[in-house]
Amino acid sequence: MTKTQYYVAASVDGFIADRENSLDWLMQFGFEEFGADYEGFLADVGVVVMGSRTYEWLLAEGSPWAYADRPAWVLTSRELPPIEGGANIRFASGDVRELHTEWVAAAGGKNVWVVGGGEVAAQVADAGLLDELLLTTMPVVLGAGAPLLPVAATTGVLELVSTQRFPGGATGAVYRTRG
């Protein structure tokens, strides 16, 4: 069964980007210790969903499109440049409930990954469509920035499914968000 998941890293105080919308605070940790966990997660992903700021950040990085083997939706209300080289990117706006049906169909039995940002994930959560929150808490405090999950109302109690401790001091937790 397809799950809709928000897999994200955040600071101890709950931010996914700093005051300048930068991820430099996160990049300082590297990815070596998270590699196996991330690769296992990614193997089960059929569709990637993100907001325009996440998309623009990925473009600015100048790296090859990391999701070329799966369709990606970019939720935006403005025109954005496409990625060269045949990436399967769909720019969309509107009600995430309607879009979610497309995501699940395109995922082909695999999972839907809401990669970022917090506002997109909050829309999905507010619509009752988020199945899991996979949260890696990084050992740093930012003080302000883009919030992890700015939902419109208090959620019900999340079910803690698993936890993991990484060598550099980060912790991982998987929460189930709906029945």
N, C-alpha and C. Protein backbone atom coordinates (compact mmCIF):
# COMPACT_ATOMS: atom_id res chain seq x y z
N MET A 1 0.84 -1.18 0.00
CA MET A 1 0.00 0.00 0.00
C MET A 1 0.89 1.25 0.00
N THR A 2 0.55 2.20 -0.81
CA THR A 2 1.30 3.44 -0.92
C THR A 2 1.14 4.27 0.34
N LYS A 3 2.27 4.75 0.87
CA LYS A 3 2.26 5.66 2.01
C LYS A 3 2.72 7.03 1.54
N THR A 4 2.16 8.06 2.13
CA THR A 4 2.62 9.43 1.91
C THR A 4 3.46 9.81 3.11
N GLN A 5 4.74 10.11 2.85
CA GLN A 5 5.71 10.30 3.92
C GLN A 5 6.40 11.66 3.81
N TYR A 6 6.65 12.27 4.94
CA TYR A 6 7.45 13.49 5.01
C TYR A 6 8.75 13.09 5.70
N TYR A 7 9.81 12.94 4.90
CA TYR A 7 11.13 12.54 5.40
C TYR A 7 11.98 13.78 5.39
N VAL A 8 12.44 14.22 6.57
CA VAL A 8 13.02 15.55 6.69
C VAL A 8 14.01 15.59 7.85
N ALA A 9 14.95 16.52 7.75
CA ALA A 9 15.87 16.81 8.85
C ALA A 9 15.52 18.17 9.41
N ALA A 10 15.60 18.30 10.72
CA ALA A 10 15.29 19.56 11.38
C ALA A 10 16.25 19.80 12.53
N SER A 11 16.36 21.05 12.93
CA SER A 11 17.16 21.40 14.10
C SER A 11 16.41 20.96 15.36
N VAL A 12 17.10 20.98 16.47
CA VAL A 12 16.48 20.61 17.75
C VAL A 12 15.27 21.50 18.04
N ASP A 13 15.33 22.76 17.62
CA ASP A 13 14.22 23.67 17.87
C ASP A 13 13.19 23.71 16.74
N GLY A 14 13.24 22.73 15.83
CA GLY A 14 12.16 22.53 14.89
C GLY A 14 12.17 23.33 13.60
N PHE A 15 13.36 23.67 13.09
CA PHE A 15 13.45 24.40 11.83
C PHE A 15 14.14 23.54 10.78
N ILE A 16 13.67 23.67 9.52
CA ILE A 16 14.26 22.91 8.42
C ILE A 16 15.18 23.76 7.55
N ALA A 17 15.12 25.05 7.71
CA ALA A 17 16.03 25.99 7.05
C ALA A 17 16.25 27.15 8.02
N ASP A 18 17.38 27.84 7.88
CA ASP A 18 17.67 28.94 8.80
C ASP A 18 16.98 30.23 8.37
N ARG A 19 17.29 31.33 9.05
CA ARG A 19 16.66 32.62 8.79
C ARG A 19 16.79 33.08 7.33
N GLU A 20 17.88 32.69 6.69
CA GLU A 20 18.13 33.09 5.29
C GLU A 20 17.66 32.01 4.31
N ASN A 21 16.87 31.06 4.79
CA ASN A 21 16.38 29.93 3.99
C ASN A 21 17.52 29.06 3.47
N SER A 22 18.60 29.00 4.24
CA SER A 22 19.78 28.22 3.87
C SER A 22 19.79 26.88 4.59
N LEU A 23 20.45 25.91 3.95
CA LEU A 23 20.65 24.59 4.55
C LEU A 23 22.12 24.36 4.92
N ASP A 24 22.92 25.42 4.93
CA ASP A 24 24.33 25.26 5.28
C ASP A 24 24.50 24.61 6.66
N TRP A 25 23.61 24.94 7.58
CA TRP A 25 23.66 24.36 8.92
C TRP A 25 23.54 22.84 8.86
N LEU A 26 22.75 22.33 7.90
CA LEU A 26 22.55 20.89 7.74
C LEU A 26 23.72 20.25 6.99
N MET A 27 24.19 20.92 5.96
CA MET A 27 25.27 20.36 5.13
C MET A 27 26.56 20.15 5.90
N GLN A 28 26.75 20.89 6.99
CA GLN A 28 27.97 20.71 7.78
C GLN A 28 28.09 19.30 8.36
N PHE A 29 26.99 18.58 8.45
CA PHE A 29 27.00 17.24 9.02
C PHE A 29 27.40 16.16 8.01
N GLY A 30 27.31 16.49 6.72
CA GLY A 30 27.60 15.48 5.71
C GLY A 30 26.49 14.44 5.68
N PHE A 31 26.67 13.44 4.84
CA PHE A 31 25.62 12.43 4.68
C PHE A 31 26.13 11.01 4.87
N GLU A 32 27.39 10.85 5.16
CA GLU A 32 27.97 9.52 5.26
C GLU A 32 27.23 8.63 6.25
N GLU A 33 26.95 9.15 7.42
CA GLU A 33 26.32 8.30 8.44
C GLU A 33 24.84 8.02 8.18
N PHE A 34 24.24 8.76 7.25
CA PHE A 34 22.83 8.58 6.95
C PHE A 34 22.60 7.80 5.67
N GLY A 35 23.66 7.50 4.93
CA GLY A 35 23.58 6.92 3.60
C GLY A 35 22.72 5.68 3.49
N ALA A 36 22.96 4.68 4.31
CA ALA A 36 22.21 3.43 4.21
C ALA A 36 20.74 3.65 4.54
N ASP A 37 20.47 4.46 5.54
CA ASP A 37 19.10 4.77 5.93
C ASP A 37 18.37 5.47 4.78
N TYR A 38 19.02 6.46 4.20
CA TYR A 38 18.43 7.23 3.10
C TYR A 38 18.22 6.37 1.86
N GLU A 39 19.21 5.58 1.50
CA GLU A 39 19.10 4.73 0.30
C GLU A 39 17.98 3.71 0.45
N GLY A 40 17.83 3.15 1.64
CA GLY A 40 16.73 2.22 1.89
C GLY A 40 15.38 2.89 1.76
N PHE A 41 15.29 4.10 2.29
CA PHE A 41 14.05 4.87 2.17
C PHE A 41 13.75 5.17 0.70
N LEU A 42 14.75 5.69 -0.01
CA LEU A 42 14.57 6.12 -1.39
C LEU A 42 14.17 4.97 -2.32
N ALA A 43 14.60 3.77 -2.01
CA ALA A 43 14.27 2.60 -2.84
C ALA A 43 12.76 2.35 -2.89
N ASP A 44 12.04 2.80 -1.86
CA ASP A 44 10.59 2.59 -1.79
C ASP A 44 9.78 3.79 -2.26
N VAL A 45 10.45 4.83 -2.78
CA VAL A 45 9.77 6.05 -3.21
C VAL A 45 9.46 5.97 -4.70
N GLY A 46 8.19 6.24 -5.04
CA GLY A 46 7.77 6.24 -6.43
C GLY A 46 7.53 7.64 -6.98
N VAL A 47 7.23 8.60 -6.11
CA VAL A 47 6.94 9.98 -6.49
C VAL A 47 7.55 10.90 -5.45
N VAL A 48 8.07 12.04 -5.93
CA VAL A 48 8.64 13.07 -5.06
C VAL A 48 7.78 14.32 -5.20
N VAL A 49 7.46 14.96 -4.06
CA VAL A 49 6.65 16.18 -4.04
C VAL A 49 7.42 17.24 -3.26
N MET A 50 7.47 18.46 -3.81
CA MET A 50 8.18 19.54 -3.13
C MET A 50 7.54 20.88 -3.46
N GLY A 51 7.92 21.89 -2.70
CA GLY A 51 7.50 23.26 -2.97
C GLY A 51 8.51 23.97 -3.84
N SER A 52 8.17 25.18 -4.21
CA SER A 52 9.02 25.93 -5.13
C SER A 52 10.37 26.31 -4.52
N ARG A 53 10.40 26.63 -3.24
CA ARG A 53 11.70 26.99 -2.62
C ARG A 53 12.64 25.81 -2.57
N THR A 54 12.13 24.61 -2.29
CA THR A 54 12.97 23.41 -2.31
C THR A 54 13.48 23.17 -3.73
N TYR A 55 12.61 23.30 -4.70
CA TYR A 55 13.00 23.11 -6.10
C TYR A 55 14.09 24.11 -6.49
N GLU A 56 13.90 25.38 -6.15
CA GLU A 56 14.89 26.41 -6.49
C GLU A 56 16.21 26.17 -5.77
N TRP A 57 16.15 25.67 -4.55
CA TRP A 57 17.38 25.35 -3.83
C TRP A 57 18.13 24.23 -4.55
N LEU A 58 17.39 23.21 -4.99
CA LEU A 58 18.02 22.11 -5.72
C LEU A 58 18.63 22.59 -7.03
N LEU A 59 17.94 23.49 -7.73
CA LEU A 59 18.49 24.06 -8.96
C LEU A 59 19.78 24.84 -8.68
N ALA A 60 19.77 25.63 -7.61
CA ALA A 60 20.93 26.46 -7.28
C ALA A 60 22.15 25.61 -6.91
N GLU A 61 21.90 24.41 -6.39
CA GLU A 61 23.01 23.53 -6.02
C GLU A 61 23.82 23.10 -7.23
N GLY A 62 23.18 23.09 -8.40
CA GLY A 62 23.88 22.76 -9.63
C GLY A 62 24.22 21.29 -9.80
N SER A 63 23.77 20.46 -8.92
CA SER A 63 24.02 19.02 -9.04
C SER A 63 23.04 18.42 -10.04
N PRO A 64 23.36 17.24 -10.58
CA PRO A 64 22.38 16.57 -11.44
C PRO A 64 21.09 16.30 -10.66
N TRP A 65 19.97 16.30 -11.37
CA TRP A 65 18.67 16.07 -10.73
C TRP A 65 18.68 14.70 -10.07
N ALA A 66 18.53 14.67 -8.77
CA ALA A 66 18.68 13.43 -7.99
C ALA A 66 17.50 12.48 -8.15
N TYR A 67 16.39 12.94 -8.72
CA TYR A 67 15.18 12.13 -8.76
C TYR A 67 14.78 11.78 -10.19
N ALA A 68 15.75 11.68 -11.08
CA ALA A 68 15.47 11.48 -12.51
C ALA A 68 14.71 10.20 -12.81
N ASP A 69 14.81 9.21 -11.94
CA ASP A 69 14.15 7.93 -12.21
C ASP A 69 12.73 7.85 -11.65
N ARG A 70 12.19 8.98 -11.18
CA ARG A 70 10.82 8.98 -10.66
C ARG A 70 10.18 10.34 -10.94
N PRO A 71 8.86 10.38 -11.10
CA PRO A 71 8.20 11.66 -11.34
C PRO A 71 8.24 12.55 -10.10
N ALA A 72 8.31 13.85 -10.35
CA ALA A 72 8.32 14.83 -9.27
C ALA A 72 7.27 15.90 -9.53
N TRP A 73 6.57 16.27 -8.49
CA TRP A 73 5.63 17.39 -8.54
C TRP A 73 6.24 18.54 -7.77
N VAL A 74 6.19 19.72 -8.36
CA VAL A 74 6.62 20.95 -7.69
C VAL A 74 5.36 21.79 -7.52
N LEU A 75 4.99 22.04 -6.28
CA LEU A 75 3.80 22.85 -6.00
C LEU A 75 4.20 24.31 -6.00
N THR A 76 3.59 25.07 -6.89
CA THR A 76 3.97 26.47 -7.06
C THR A 76 2.83 27.25 -7.67
N SER A 77 2.80 28.54 -7.40
CA SER A 77 1.81 29.42 -8.01
C SER A 77 2.47 30.33 -9.04
N ARG A 78 3.74 30.08 -9.34
CA ARG A 78 4.46 30.91 -10.31
C ARG A 78 5.21 30.03 -11.29
N GLU A 79 5.65 30.63 -12.36
CA GLU A 79 6.38 29.89 -13.38
C GLU A 79 7.83 29.68 -12.94
N LEU A 80 8.30 28.46 -13.07
CA LEU A 80 9.68 28.12 -12.70
C LEU A 80 10.38 27.48 -13.89
N PRO A 81 11.70 27.60 -13.94
CA PRO A 81 12.42 27.00 -15.06
C PRO A 81 12.45 25.48 -14.95
N PRO A 82 12.30 24.80 -16.09
CA PRO A 82 12.40 23.33 -16.05
C PRO A 82 13.86 22.90 -15.94
N ILE A 83 14.05 21.66 -15.58
CA ILE A 83 15.40 21.09 -15.53
C ILE A 83 15.69 20.45 -16.88
N GLU A 84 16.86 20.71 -17.38
CA GLU A 84 17.26 20.12 -18.66
C GLU A 84 17.57 18.64 -18.46
N GLY A 85 17.45 17.89 -19.53
CA GLY A 85 17.88 16.50 -19.48
C GLY A 85 16.79 15.49 -19.24
N GLY A 86 15.55 15.85 -19.46
CA GLY A 86 14.50 14.85 -19.41
C GLY A 86 13.95 14.49 -18.05
N ALA A 87 14.16 15.32 -17.03
CA ALA A 87 13.56 15.05 -15.73
C ALA A 87 12.04 15.10 -15.84
N ASN A 88 11.37 14.22 -15.16
CA ASN A 88 9.91 14.13 -15.19
C ASN A 88 9.34 14.99 -14.08
N ILE A 89 9.26 16.30 -14.35
CA ILE A 89 8.81 17.27 -13.36
C ILE A 89 7.49 17.87 -13.81
N ARG A 90 6.55 17.91 -12.89
CA ARG A 90 5.24 18.49 -13.17
C ARG A 90 5.02 19.65 -12.21
N PHE A 91 4.80 20.83 -12.74
CA PHE A 91 4.51 22.00 -11.93
C PHE A 91 3.00 22.06 -11.73
N ALA A 92 2.56 22.24 -10.50
CA ALA A 92 1.13 22.19 -10.21
C ALA A 92 0.77 23.16 -9.09
N SER A 93 -0.49 23.52 -9.07
CA SER A 93 -1.04 24.29 -7.95
C SER A 93 -2.45 23.77 -7.72
N GLY A 94 -3.00 24.14 -6.60
CA GLY A 94 -4.36 23.70 -6.31
C GLY A 94 -4.43 22.87 -5.05
N ASP A 95 -5.57 22.24 -4.89
CA ASP A 95 -5.88 21.47 -3.70
C ASP A 95 -5.05 20.18 -3.66
N VAL A 96 -4.30 20.00 -2.58
CA VAL A 96 -3.45 18.81 -2.48
C VAL A 96 -4.27 17.52 -2.45
N ARG A 97 -5.52 17.58 -2.05
CA ARG A 97 -6.36 16.37 -2.05
C ARG A 97 -6.54 15.85 -3.47
N GLU A 98 -6.75 16.76 -4.41
CA GLU A 98 -6.89 16.35 -5.81
C GLU A 98 -5.55 15.89 -6.38
N LEU A 99 -4.49 16.61 -6.06
CA LEU A 99 -3.16 16.26 -6.55
C LEU A 99 -2.70 14.92 -5.97
N HIS A 100 -3.07 14.65 -4.73
CA HIS A 100 -2.65 13.42 -4.06
C HIS A 100 -3.08 12.18 -4.85
N THR A 101 -4.26 12.22 -5.42
CA THR A 101 -4.74 11.11 -6.23
C THR A 101 -3.79 10.85 -7.40
N GLU A 102 -3.30 11.91 -8.03
CA GLU A 102 -2.34 11.79 -9.13
C GLU A 102 -1.02 11.21 -8.63
N TRP A 103 -0.56 11.70 -7.48
CA TRP A 103 0.72 11.23 -6.91
C TRP A 103 0.68 9.73 -6.65
N VAL A 104 -0.40 9.29 -6.01
CA VAL A 104 -0.52 7.86 -5.66
C VAL A 104 -0.56 7.01 -6.93
N ALA A 105 -1.31 7.44 -7.93
CA ALA A 105 -1.38 6.69 -9.18
C ALA A 105 0.00 6.62 -9.85
N ALA A 106 0.71 7.73 -9.88
CA ALA A 106 2.03 7.78 -10.52
C ALA A 106 3.08 7.00 -9.73
N ALA A 107 2.87 6.82 -8.43
CA ALA A 107 3.84 6.11 -7.59
C ALA A 107 3.88 4.62 -7.91
N GLY A 108 2.87 4.10 -8.56
CA GLY A 108 2.87 2.71 -8.98
C GLY A 108 3.05 1.71 -7.85
N GLY A 109 2.40 1.94 -6.72
CA GLY A 109 2.50 1.02 -5.59
C GLY A 109 3.63 1.36 -4.63
N LYS A 110 4.50 2.28 -5.02
CA LYS A 110 5.56 2.73 -4.10
C LYS A 110 5.04 3.94 -3.32
N ASN A 111 5.91 4.54 -2.52
CA ASN A 111 5.49 5.62 -1.63
C ASN A 111 5.63 7.00 -2.27
N VAL A 112 4.91 7.96 -1.71
CA VAL A 112 4.99 9.36 -2.09
C VAL A 112 5.82 10.06 -1.03
N TRP A 113 6.90 10.73 -1.45
CA TRP A 113 7.79 11.45 -0.53
C TRP A 113 7.56 12.94 -0.65
N VAL A 114 7.06 13.55 0.40
CA VAL A 114 7.00 15.00 0.49
C VAL A 114 8.37 15.42 1.02
N VAL A 115 9.22 15.89 0.11
CA VAL A 115 10.62 16.17 0.45
C VAL A 115 10.75 17.54 1.12
N GLY A 116 9.91 18.47 0.82
CA GLY A 116 9.98 19.79 1.43
C GLY A 116 9.15 20.75 0.61
N GLY A 117 8.89 21.80 1.19
CA GLY A 117 9.23 22.23 2.54
C GLY A 117 8.11 21.97 3.51
N GLY A 118 8.28 22.60 4.64
CA GLY A 118 7.34 22.43 5.72
C GLY A 118 5.92 22.86 5.38
N GLU A 119 5.80 23.91 4.58
CA GLU A 119 4.47 24.40 4.21
C GLU A 119 3.74 23.39 3.33
N VAL A 120 4.45 22.78 2.40
CA VAL A 120 3.84 21.75 1.56
C VAL A 120 3.43 20.55 2.42
N ALA A 121 4.33 20.11 3.28
CA ALA A 121 4.02 18.99 4.17
C ALA A 121 2.83 19.31 5.06
N ALA A 122 2.74 20.57 5.52
CA ALA A 122 1.62 20.97 6.36
C ALA A 122 0.30 20.92 5.59
N GLN A 123 0.31 21.31 4.33
CA GLN A 123 -0.90 21.22 3.51
C GLN A 123 -1.36 19.77 3.40
N VAL A 124 -0.41 18.88 3.17
CA VAL A 124 -0.72 17.45 3.05
C VAL A 124 -1.24 16.92 4.40
N ALA A 125 -0.59 17.31 5.48
CA ALA A 125 -1.03 16.87 6.82
C ALA A 125 -2.41 17.43 7.15
N ASP A 126 -2.62 18.73 6.87
CA ASP A 126 -3.92 19.35 7.16
C ASP A 126 -5.05 18.68 6.37
N ALA A 127 -4.74 18.15 5.19
CA ALA A 127 -5.74 17.46 4.38
C ALA A 127 -5.97 16.02 4.84
N GLY A 128 -5.22 15.58 5.86
CA GLY A 128 -5.38 14.22 6.38
C GLY A 128 -4.75 13.16 5.50
N LEU A 129 -3.75 13.55 4.70
CA LEU A 129 -3.14 12.63 3.74
C LEU A 129 -1.75 12.15 4.11
N LEU A 130 -1.19 12.67 5.17
CA LEU A 130 0.17 12.29 5.58
C LEU A 130 0.11 11.04 6.45
N ASP A 131 0.79 9.98 6.01
CA ASP A 131 0.80 8.73 6.75
C ASP A 131 1.92 8.66 7.78
N GLU A 132 3.12 9.17 7.39
CA GLU A 132 4.28 9.06 8.28
C GLU A 132 5.13 10.32 8.24
N LEU A 133 5.68 10.65 9.38
CA LEU A 133 6.70 11.69 9.52
C LEU A 133 7.99 10.98 9.89
N LEU A 134 8.99 11.04 9.00
CA LEU A 134 10.30 10.45 9.26
C LEU A 134 11.24 11.61 9.56
N LEU A 135 11.52 11.84 10.81
CA LEU A 135 12.21 13.04 11.28
C LEU A 135 13.60 12.71 11.79
N THR A 136 14.60 13.34 11.19
CA THR A 136 15.95 13.27 11.72
C THR A 136 16.23 14.60 12.40
N THR A 137 16.45 14.56 13.70
CA THR A 137 16.73 15.76 14.48
C THR A 137 18.23 15.93 14.58
N MET A 138 18.71 17.07 14.07
CA MET A 138 20.14 17.35 14.04
C MET A 138 20.54 18.11 15.31
N PRO A 139 21.74 17.85 15.84
CA PRO A 139 22.16 18.46 17.10
C PRO A 139 22.65 19.91 16.91
N VAL A 140 21.71 20.77 16.57
CA VAL A 140 22.00 22.19 16.39
C VAL A 140 20.71 22.97 16.67
N VAL A 141 20.87 24.19 17.18
CA VAL A 141 19.73 25.07 17.43
C VAL A 141 19.86 26.27 16.51
N LEU A 142 18.80 26.59 15.76
CA LEU A 142 18.84 27.69 14.81
C LEU A 142 18.20 28.97 15.34
N GLY A 143 17.26 28.86 16.26
CA GLY A 143 16.63 30.05 16.83
C GLY A 143 15.46 30.59 16.02
N ALA A 144 15.50 30.45 14.71
CA ALA A 144 14.42 30.91 13.83
C ALA A 144 14.67 30.31 12.45
N GLY A 145 13.66 30.41 11.60
CA GLY A 145 13.79 29.90 10.24
C GLY A 145 12.49 29.31 9.75
N ALA A 146 12.59 28.41 8.78
CA ALA A 146 11.41 27.75 8.22
C ALA A 146 10.99 26.62 9.14
N PRO A 147 9.76 26.66 9.65
CA PRO A 147 9.31 25.64 10.60
C PRO A 147 9.15 24.26 9.97
N LEU A 148 9.35 23.26 10.77
CA LEU A 148 9.26 21.85 10.37
C LEU A 148 7.91 21.50 9.77
N LEU A 149 6.84 21.83 10.43
CA LEU A 149 5.51 21.40 9.99
C LEU A 149 4.46 22.39 10.52
N PRO A 150 4.31 23.54 9.85
CA PRO A 150 3.38 24.57 10.34
C PRO A 150 1.91 24.27 10.02
N VAL A 151 1.36 23.26 10.68
CA VAL A 151 -0.02 22.84 10.44
C VAL A 151 -0.99 23.90 10.95
N ALA A 152 -2.22 23.86 10.43
CA ALA A 152 -3.23 24.85 10.77
C ALA A 152 -3.83 24.62 12.16
N ALA A 153 -3.80 23.38 12.64
CA ALA A 153 -4.40 23.06 13.93
C ALA A 153 -3.60 21.94 14.59
N THR A 154 -3.76 21.79 15.86
CA THR A 154 -3.09 20.74 16.61
C THR A 154 -3.50 19.38 16.06
N THR A 155 -2.51 18.51 15.90
CA THR A 155 -2.80 17.16 15.41
C THR A 155 -3.23 16.27 16.56
N GLY A 156 -3.68 15.10 16.22
CA GLY A 156 -3.87 14.07 17.23
C GLY A 156 -2.50 13.56 17.65
N VAL A 157 -2.47 12.70 18.63
CA VAL A 157 -1.21 12.13 19.10
C VAL A 157 -0.61 11.27 18.01
N LEU A 158 0.67 11.51 17.70
CA LEU A 158 1.38 10.72 16.70
C LEU A 158 1.86 9.43 17.35
N GLU A 159 1.86 8.36 16.59
CA GLU A 159 2.33 7.07 17.11
C GLU A 159 3.81 6.91 16.77
N LEU A 160 4.65 6.78 17.78
CA LEU A 160 6.07 6.55 17.56
C LEU A 160 6.27 5.11 17.12
N VAL A 161 6.81 4.94 15.90
CA VAL A 161 7.00 3.62 15.32
C VAL A 161 8.41 3.10 15.59
N SER A 162 9.41 3.99 15.46
CA SER A 162 10.79 3.56 15.68
C SER A 162 11.68 4.77 15.96
N THR A 163 12.84 4.49 16.55
CA THR A 163 13.85 5.52 16.78
C THR A 163 15.21 4.98 16.38
N GLN A 164 16.13 5.89 16.12
CA GLN A 164 17.48 5.51 15.74
C GLN A 164 18.43 6.61 16.18
N ARG A 165 19.59 6.20 16.65
CA ARG A 165 20.64 7.15 17.03
C ARG A 165 21.76 7.05 16.01
N PHE A 166 22.17 8.20 15.47
CA PHE A 166 23.26 8.23 14.50
C PHE A 166 24.55 8.63 15.20
N PRO A 167 25.70 8.19 14.69
CA PRO A 167 26.98 8.44 15.35
C PRO A 167 27.30 9.91 15.65
N GLY A 168 26.89 10.84 14.79
CA GLY A 168 27.22 12.26 14.99
C GLY A 168 26.32 13.00 15.96
N GLY A 169 25.40 12.30 16.63
CA GLY A 169 24.53 12.95 17.60
C GLY A 169 23.12 13.21 17.11
N ALA A 170 22.85 12.95 15.84
CA ALA A 170 21.50 13.11 15.33
C ALA A 170 20.65 11.91 15.75
N THR A 171 19.35 12.14 15.81
CA THR A 171 18.42 11.05 16.13
C THR A 171 17.36 10.97 15.04
N GLY A 172 16.91 9.78 14.77
CA GLY A 172 15.84 9.57 13.81
C GLY A 172 14.62 9.02 14.53
N ALA A 173 13.47 9.46 14.10
CA ALA A 173 12.20 8.95 14.65
C ALA A 173 11.21 8.83 13.52
N VAL A 174 10.45 7.77 13.53
CA VAL A 174 9.37 7.57 12.57
C VAL A 174 8.07 7.62 13.36
N TYR A 175 7.18 8.52 12.92
CA TYR A 175 5.87 8.67 13.55
C TYR A 175 4.79 8.33 12.53
N ARG A 176 3.81 7.57 12.95
CA ARG A 176 2.63 7.31 12.12
C ARG A 176 1.64 8.42 12.47
N THR A 177 1.07 9.02 11.42
CA THR A 177 0.23 10.18 11.66
C THR A 177 -1.25 9.95 11.45
N ARG A 178 -1.61 8.86 10.78
CA ARG A 178 -3.03 8.56 10.62
C ARG A 178 -3.22 7.06 10.52
N GLY A 179 -4.43 6.61 10.85
CA GLY A 179 -4.74 5.20 10.90
C GLY A 179 -4.69 4.54 9.56
